[in-house]
Amino acid sequence: MPLVACPVCEKQVSKRALSCPGCGEPDPARYHSRNTWLSRLFWLLVWVGIGAAVWYKVVPMVMEIFKQ
């Protein structure tokens, strides 16, 4: 289990600790906030991909139906 120094009190803390046991600093290694950001970026890219697929596949089919 890798340890990092807390940015406030400089004590050694696990990278996955929710708070520093010495000073109470929330998320001292910024591990959880980094994972949240990456998760949001991933889902944004998924939704953009779905939107692009709908735009290029479904919209032309619907336009053809309304032209007739």
C-alpha atoms as a PDB file:
ATOM      1  CA  MET A   1       0.000   0.000   0.000  1.00  0.00           C
ATOM      2  CA  PRO A   2       1.754   3.181  -1.199  1.00  0.00           C
ATOM      3  CA  LEU A   3       2.017   6.060   1.217  1.00  0.00           C
ATOM      4  CA  VAL A   4       2.161   9.774   0.443  1.00  0.00           C
ATOM      5  CA  ALA A   5       2.807  12.820   2.579  1.00  0.00           C
ATOM      6  CA  CYS A   6      -0.250  14.789   3.669  1.00  0.00           C
ATOM      7  CA  PRO A   7      -0.066  18.301   2.141  1.00  0.00           C
ATOM      8  CA  VAL A   8      -1.120  19.900   5.454  1.00  0.00           C
ATOM      9  CA  CYS A   9       0.700  18.035   8.240  1.00  0.00           C
ATOM     10  CA  GLU A  10       3.329  16.071   6.205  1.00  0.00           C
ATOM     11  CA  LYS A  11       2.475  12.745   7.933  1.00  0.00           C
ATOM     12  CA  GLN A  12       2.514   9.552   5.856  1.00  0.00           C
ATOM     13  CA  VAL A  13      -0.986   8.599   4.673  1.00  0.00           C
ATOM     14  CA  SER A  14      -2.308   5.856   2.410  1.00  0.00           C
ATOM     15  CA  LYS A  15      -3.097   7.024  -1.131  1.00  0.00           C
ATOM     16  CA  ARG A  16      -6.661   5.752  -0.733  1.00  0.00           C
ATOM     17  CA  ALA A  17      -7.367   7.274   2.673  1.00  0.00           C
ATOM     18  CA  LEU A  18     -10.558   9.328   2.858  1.00  0.00           C
ATOM     19  CA  SER A  19      -8.976  11.705   5.353  1.00  0.00           C
ATOM     20  CA  CYS A  20      -5.647  12.219   7.105  1.00  0.00           C
ATOM     21  CA  PRO A  21      -5.633  10.567  10.532  1.00  0.00           C
ATOM     22  CA  GLY A  22      -3.290  13.276  11.828  1.00  0.00           C
ATOM     23  CA  CYS A  23      -5.003  16.504  10.819  1.00  0.00           C
ATOM     24  CA  GLY A  24      -8.301  15.426   9.231  1.00  0.00           C
ATOM     25  CA  GLU A  25      -7.514  16.825   5.765  1.00  0.00           C
ATOM     26  CA  PRO A  26     -10.163  15.334   3.413  1.00  0.00           C
ATOM     27  CA  ASP A  27      -8.706  13.213   0.581  1.00  0.00           C
ATOM     28  CA  PRO A  28      -5.042  14.076   1.274  1.00  0.00           C
ATOM     29  CA  ALA A  29      -3.674  12.356  -1.850  1.00  0.00           C
ATOM     30  CA  ARG A  30      -6.463  13.677  -4.126  1.00  0.00           C
ATOM     31  CA  TYR A  31      -7.052  10.031  -5.132  1.00  0.00           C
ATOM     32  CA  HIS A  32     -10.842  10.119  -4.952  1.00  0.00           C
ATOM     33  CA  SER A  33     -11.256  13.505  -6.631  1.00  0.00           C
ATOM     34  CA  ARG A  34      -8.998  12.350  -9.490  1.00  0.00           C
ATOM     35  CA  ASN A  35     -11.082   9.186  -9.978  1.00  0.00           C
ATOM     36  CA  THR A  36     -14.285  11.226  -9.983  1.00  0.00           C
ATOM     37  CA  TRP A  37     -12.911  13.521 -12.681  1.00  0.00           C
ATOM     38  CA  LEU A  38     -11.796  10.592 -14.843  1.00  0.00           C
ATOM     39  CA  SER A  39     -15.163   8.911 -14.411  1.00  0.00           C
ATOM     40  CA  ARG A  40     -17.008  12.043 -15.517  1.00  0.00           C
ATOM     41  CA  LEU A  41     -14.730  12.433 -18.525  1.00  0.00           C
ATOM     42  CA  PHE A  42     -15.294   8.793 -19.508  1.00  0.00           C
ATOM     43  CA  TRP A  43     -19.086   9.109 -19.358  1.00  0.00           C
ATOM     44  CA  LEU A  44     -18.999  12.399 -21.247  1.00  0.00           C
ATOM     45  CA  LEU A  45     -17.104  10.687 -24.061  1.00  0.00           C
ATOM     46  CA  VAL A  46     -19.569   7.779 -24.038  1.00  0.00           C
ATOM     47  CA  TRP A  47     -22.533  10.151 -24.377  1.00  0.00           C
ATOM     48  CA  VAL A  48     -20.825  12.131 -27.139  1.00  0.00           C
ATOM     49  CA  GLY A  49     -20.204   8.858 -28.992  1.00  0.00           C
ATOM     50  CA  ILE A  50     -23.839   7.824 -28.614  1.00  0.00           C
ATOM     51  CA  GLY A  51     -24.977  11.250 -29.806  1.00  0.00           C
ATOM     52  CA  ALA A  52     -22.712  11.057 -32.857  1.00  0.00           C
ATOM     53  CA  ALA A  53     -23.980   7.575 -33.720  1.00  0.00           C
ATOM     54  CA  VAL A  54     -27.588   8.731 -33.470  1.00  0.00           C
ATOM     55  CA  TRP A  55     -26.858  11.828 -35.541  1.00  0.00           C
ATOM     56  CA  TYR A  56     -25.208   9.905 -38.380  1.00  0.00           C
ATOM     57  CA  LYS A  57     -27.385   6.758 -38.379  1.00  0.00           C
ATOM     58  CA  VAL A  58     -30.856   7.555 -37.051  1.00  0.00           C
ATOM     59  CA  VAL A  59     -31.427  11.130 -38.220  1.00  0.00           C
ATOM     60  CA  PRO A  60     -30.944  10.321 -41.945  1.00  0.00           C
ATOM     61  CA  MET A  61     -33.400   7.389 -41.658  1.00  0.00           C
ATOM     62  CA  VAL A  62     -36.019   9.620 -40.027  1.00  0.00           C
ATOM     63  CA  MET A  63     -35.502  12.309 -42.669  1.00  0.00           C
ATOM     64  CA  GLU A  64     -36.095   9.724 -45.420  1.00  0.00           C
ATOM     65  CA  ILE A  65     -39.353   8.649 -43.786  1.00  0.00           C
ATOM     66  CA  PHE A  66     -40.621  12.241 -43.628  1.00  0.00           C
ATOM     67  CA  LYS A  67     -39.631  12.975 -47.241  1.00  0.00           C
ATOM     68  CA  GLN A  68     -42.011  10.315 -48.532  1.00  0.00           C
END
